[in-house]
N, C-alpha and C. Protein backbone atom coordinates (compact mmCIF):
# COMPACT_ATOMS: atom_id res chain seq x y z
N MET A 1 89.99 -153.12 10.95
CA MET A 1 88.93 -152.63 10.09
C MET A 1 87.75 -152.17 10.95
N ALA A 2 87.20 -151.04 10.60
CA ALA A 2 86.08 -150.48 11.35
C ALA A 2 84.81 -151.29 11.12
N LYS A 3 84.05 -151.47 12.19
CA LYS A 3 82.78 -152.18 12.13
C LYS A 3 81.66 -151.25 12.59
N PRO A 4 80.44 -151.45 12.09
CA PRO A 4 79.31 -150.62 12.55
C PRO A 4 79.07 -150.75 14.05
N SER A 5 79.48 -151.87 14.64
CA SER A 5 79.27 -152.09 16.07
C SER A 5 80.34 -151.43 16.94
N ASP A 6 81.39 -150.87 16.34
CA ASP A 6 82.42 -150.18 17.10
C ASP A 6 81.79 -149.03 17.88
N VAL A 7 82.30 -148.80 19.07
CA VAL A 7 81.78 -147.71 19.90
C VAL A 7 82.92 -146.82 20.38
N ARG A 8 82.56 -145.61 20.74
CA ARG A 8 83.50 -144.73 21.42
C ARG A 8 82.84 -144.28 22.71
N ILE A 9 83.65 -144.08 23.72
CA ILE A 9 83.13 -143.65 25.01
C ILE A 9 82.72 -142.18 24.91
N ASP A 10 81.49 -141.91 25.28
CA ASP A 10 80.97 -140.54 25.29
C ASP A 10 81.19 -139.92 26.67
N THR A 11 80.72 -140.62 27.70
CA THR A 11 80.93 -140.16 29.08
C THR A 11 81.23 -141.37 29.96
N LEU A 12 81.97 -141.11 31.04
CA LEU A 12 82.30 -142.15 32.00
C LEU A 12 82.36 -141.50 33.37
N GLU A 13 81.66 -142.09 34.32
CA GLU A 13 81.65 -141.56 35.69
C GLU A 13 82.01 -142.69 36.64
N LEU A 14 83.07 -142.49 37.41
CA LEU A 14 83.54 -143.48 38.37
C LEU A 14 83.35 -142.92 39.77
N THR A 15 82.69 -143.68 40.63
CA THR A 15 82.48 -143.26 42.01
C THR A 15 82.89 -144.37 42.97
N PHE A 16 83.22 -143.98 44.19
CA PHE A 16 83.60 -144.93 45.23
C PHE A 16 82.74 -144.67 46.47
N HIS A 17 82.32 -145.75 47.11
CA HIS A 17 81.55 -145.67 48.34
C HIS A 17 82.13 -146.66 49.34
N ASN A 18 82.17 -146.29 50.59
CA ASN A 18 82.58 -147.23 51.64
C ASN A 18 81.33 -147.96 52.11
N GLU A 19 81.39 -149.27 52.05
CA GLU A 19 80.26 -150.10 52.45
C GLU A 19 80.65 -150.92 53.69
N ARG A 20 79.86 -150.77 54.74
CA ARG A 20 80.09 -151.55 55.96
C ARG A 20 79.37 -152.88 55.80
N LEU A 21 80.07 -153.97 56.09
CA LEU A 21 79.47 -155.29 56.01
C LEU A 21 78.57 -155.54 57.21
N ALA A 22 77.46 -156.20 57.00
CA ALA A 22 76.55 -156.51 58.10
C ALA A 22 77.21 -157.47 59.09
N VAL A 23 78.00 -158.39 58.56
CA VAL A 23 78.73 -159.35 59.37
C VAL A 23 80.17 -159.36 58.88
N PRO A 24 81.16 -159.23 59.76
CA PRO A 24 82.56 -159.24 59.31
C PRO A 24 82.90 -160.51 58.55
N LEU A 25 83.70 -160.36 57.52
CA LEU A 25 84.18 -161.49 56.72
C LEU A 25 85.57 -161.83 57.24
N HIS A 26 85.73 -163.03 57.77
CA HIS A 26 87.01 -163.44 58.37
C HIS A 26 87.80 -164.26 57.36
N LEU A 27 89.02 -163.76 57.05
CA LEU A 27 89.94 -164.45 56.17
C LEU A 27 91.22 -164.74 56.94
N SER A 28 92.12 -165.47 56.33
CA SER A 28 93.36 -165.83 57.02
C SER A 28 94.18 -164.60 57.41
N ARG A 29 94.04 -163.50 56.69
CA ARG A 29 94.83 -162.30 56.97
C ARG A 29 94.11 -161.32 57.90
N GLY A 30 92.90 -161.64 58.31
CA GLY A 30 92.18 -160.75 59.21
C GLY A 30 90.71 -160.65 58.85
N ALA A 31 90.01 -159.79 59.55
CA ALA A 31 88.57 -159.60 59.33
C ALA A 31 88.34 -158.35 58.50
N ILE A 32 87.40 -158.44 57.59
CA ILE A 32 86.99 -157.30 56.78
C ILE A 32 85.65 -156.83 57.33
N THR A 33 85.59 -155.56 57.73
CA THR A 33 84.34 -155.00 58.25
C THR A 33 83.77 -153.94 57.31
N GLU A 34 84.64 -153.43 56.42
CA GLU A 34 84.22 -152.38 55.48
C GLU A 34 85.02 -152.55 54.19
N VAL A 35 84.36 -152.35 53.05
CA VAL A 35 85.03 -152.44 51.77
C VAL A 35 84.67 -151.23 50.92
N THR A 36 85.52 -150.95 49.95
CA THR A 36 85.26 -149.88 48.99
C THR A 36 84.46 -150.49 47.84
N TYR A 37 83.38 -149.82 47.46
CA TYR A 37 82.53 -150.26 46.37
C TYR A 37 82.73 -149.27 45.22
N ALA A 38 83.27 -149.75 44.11
CA ALA A 38 83.52 -148.91 42.94
C ALA A 38 82.39 -149.11 41.93
N THR A 39 81.83 -148.01 41.45
CA THR A 39 80.75 -148.06 40.47
C THR A 39 81.13 -147.21 39.27
N VAL A 40 80.85 -147.71 38.07
CA VAL A 40 81.10 -146.95 36.86
C VAL A 40 79.81 -146.85 36.05
N LEU A 41 79.54 -145.65 35.57
CA LEU A 41 78.44 -145.40 34.65
C LEU A 41 79.08 -144.95 33.34
N VAL A 42 78.69 -145.56 32.23
CA VAL A 42 79.32 -145.23 30.96
C VAL A 42 78.26 -145.06 29.87
N ALA A 43 78.50 -144.11 28.99
CA ALA A 43 77.65 -143.92 27.80
C ALA A 43 78.58 -144.04 26.60
N VAL A 44 78.16 -144.83 25.63
CA VAL A 44 78.94 -145.01 24.41
C VAL A 44 78.09 -144.68 23.20
N GLN A 45 78.77 -144.41 22.09
CA GLN A 45 78.06 -144.09 20.85
C GLN A 45 78.65 -144.95 19.73
N THR A 46 77.77 -145.55 18.92
CA THR A 46 78.22 -146.35 17.79
C THR A 46 78.58 -145.43 16.62
N ARG A 47 79.21 -145.99 15.62
CA ARG A 47 79.56 -145.22 14.43
C ARG A 47 78.30 -144.64 13.77
N ALA A 48 77.17 -145.33 13.95
CA ALA A 48 75.91 -144.88 13.36
C ALA A 48 75.22 -143.82 14.23
N GLY A 49 75.81 -143.50 15.39
CA GLY A 49 75.23 -142.47 16.23
C GLY A 49 74.31 -142.98 17.33
N LYS A 50 74.11 -144.28 17.41
CA LYS A 50 73.24 -144.84 18.44
C LYS A 50 73.95 -144.79 19.79
N MET A 51 73.24 -144.30 20.82
CA MET A 51 73.79 -144.20 22.17
C MET A 51 73.35 -145.40 23.00
N GLN A 52 74.25 -145.88 23.85
CA GLN A 52 73.94 -146.93 24.81
C GLN A 52 74.55 -146.54 26.14
N HIS A 53 73.88 -146.96 27.22
CA HIS A 53 74.34 -146.67 28.57
C HIS A 53 74.51 -147.97 29.33
N GLY A 54 75.47 -148.00 30.23
CA GLY A 54 75.69 -149.20 31.03
C GLY A 54 76.30 -148.86 32.37
N THR A 55 76.23 -149.82 33.28
CA THR A 55 76.80 -149.66 34.61
C THR A 55 77.58 -150.92 34.97
N GLY A 56 78.49 -150.76 35.89
CA GLY A 56 79.24 -151.89 36.42
C GLY A 56 79.71 -151.54 37.82
N ALA A 57 79.97 -152.54 38.62
CA ALA A 57 80.42 -152.29 39.99
C ALA A 57 81.24 -153.47 40.49
N ILE A 58 82.13 -153.17 41.42
CA ILE A 58 82.96 -154.22 42.02
C ILE A 58 83.40 -153.76 43.41
N PHE A 59 83.58 -154.71 44.30
CA PHE A 59 84.15 -154.41 45.60
C PHE A 59 85.67 -154.42 45.47
N LEU A 60 86.34 -153.45 46.08
CA LEU A 60 87.79 -153.41 46.14
C LEU A 60 88.20 -153.78 47.56
N SER A 61 88.98 -154.81 47.71
CA SER A 61 89.45 -155.17 49.05
C SER A 61 90.93 -155.48 49.02
N ASP A 62 91.69 -154.66 49.68
CA ASP A 62 93.14 -154.86 49.69
C ASP A 62 93.55 -156.06 50.54
N LEU A 63 92.69 -156.53 51.43
CA LEU A 63 93.08 -157.62 52.31
C LEU A 63 93.44 -158.88 51.54
N TRP A 64 92.67 -159.22 50.51
CA TRP A 64 93.02 -160.41 49.73
C TRP A 64 93.63 -160.07 48.37
N ALA A 65 93.41 -158.87 47.86
CA ALA A 65 93.91 -158.54 46.52
C ALA A 65 95.26 -157.81 46.54
N PHE A 66 95.68 -157.32 47.68
CA PHE A 66 96.89 -156.51 47.76
C PHE A 66 97.51 -156.77 49.14
N PRO A 67 98.02 -158.00 49.35
CA PRO A 67 98.43 -158.40 50.70
C PRO A 67 99.78 -157.88 51.19
N ASP A 68 100.48 -157.04 50.44
CA ASP A 68 101.80 -156.56 50.83
C ASP A 68 101.75 -155.84 52.19
N PRO A 69 102.43 -156.36 53.21
CA PRO A 69 102.38 -155.76 54.54
C PRO A 69 103.18 -154.45 54.67
N ALA A 70 103.91 -154.06 53.64
CA ALA A 70 104.69 -152.83 53.69
C ALA A 70 103.82 -151.59 53.63
N TYR A 71 102.56 -151.74 53.24
CA TYR A 71 101.64 -150.62 53.10
C TYR A 71 100.45 -150.80 54.03
N ASP A 72 99.93 -149.70 54.56
CA ASP A 72 98.74 -149.80 55.41
C ASP A 72 97.48 -149.77 54.54
N HIS A 73 96.35 -149.99 55.18
CA HIS A 73 95.08 -150.08 54.45
C HIS A 73 94.80 -148.82 53.61
N ALA A 74 95.02 -147.66 54.18
CA ALA A 74 94.72 -146.40 53.47
C ALA A 74 95.56 -146.29 52.19
N GLN A 75 96.83 -146.66 52.27
CA GLN A 75 97.70 -146.60 51.09
C GLN A 75 97.25 -147.60 50.02
N LYS A 76 96.90 -148.80 50.44
CA LYS A 76 96.44 -149.82 49.51
C LYS A 76 95.12 -149.42 48.85
N ASP A 77 94.20 -148.90 49.65
CA ASP A 77 92.91 -148.49 49.12
C ASP A 77 93.08 -147.37 48.10
N LEU A 78 93.94 -146.40 48.41
CA LEU A 78 94.20 -145.32 47.46
C LEU A 78 94.82 -145.85 46.17
N ALA A 79 95.74 -146.78 46.27
CA ALA A 79 96.37 -147.38 45.09
C ALA A 79 95.33 -148.09 44.23
N MET A 80 94.42 -148.82 44.86
CA MET A 80 93.39 -149.54 44.10
C MET A 80 92.41 -148.57 43.47
N ARG A 81 92.07 -147.50 44.13
CA ARG A 81 91.18 -146.49 43.55
C ARG A 81 91.84 -145.79 42.35
N THR A 82 93.13 -145.55 42.47
CA THR A 82 93.86 -144.89 41.39
C THR A 82 93.94 -145.79 40.19
């Protein structure tokens, strides 16, 4: 059932930035010196026409989230971005 608070996405913008860490993060699988930072900007509209905007961001790191050794870092990073 439809509610007045239901929203639909009006616009969505996803960007990626490579962020170099000030100090390497050492984990059991190796050191992380750079991570991909994913940011999303979204605008939604309610059934009543009210617009709202929001942002979100997360670090993507294949070292701990995608440990399969069959793929190199570039392949893993591309898979996570996709």
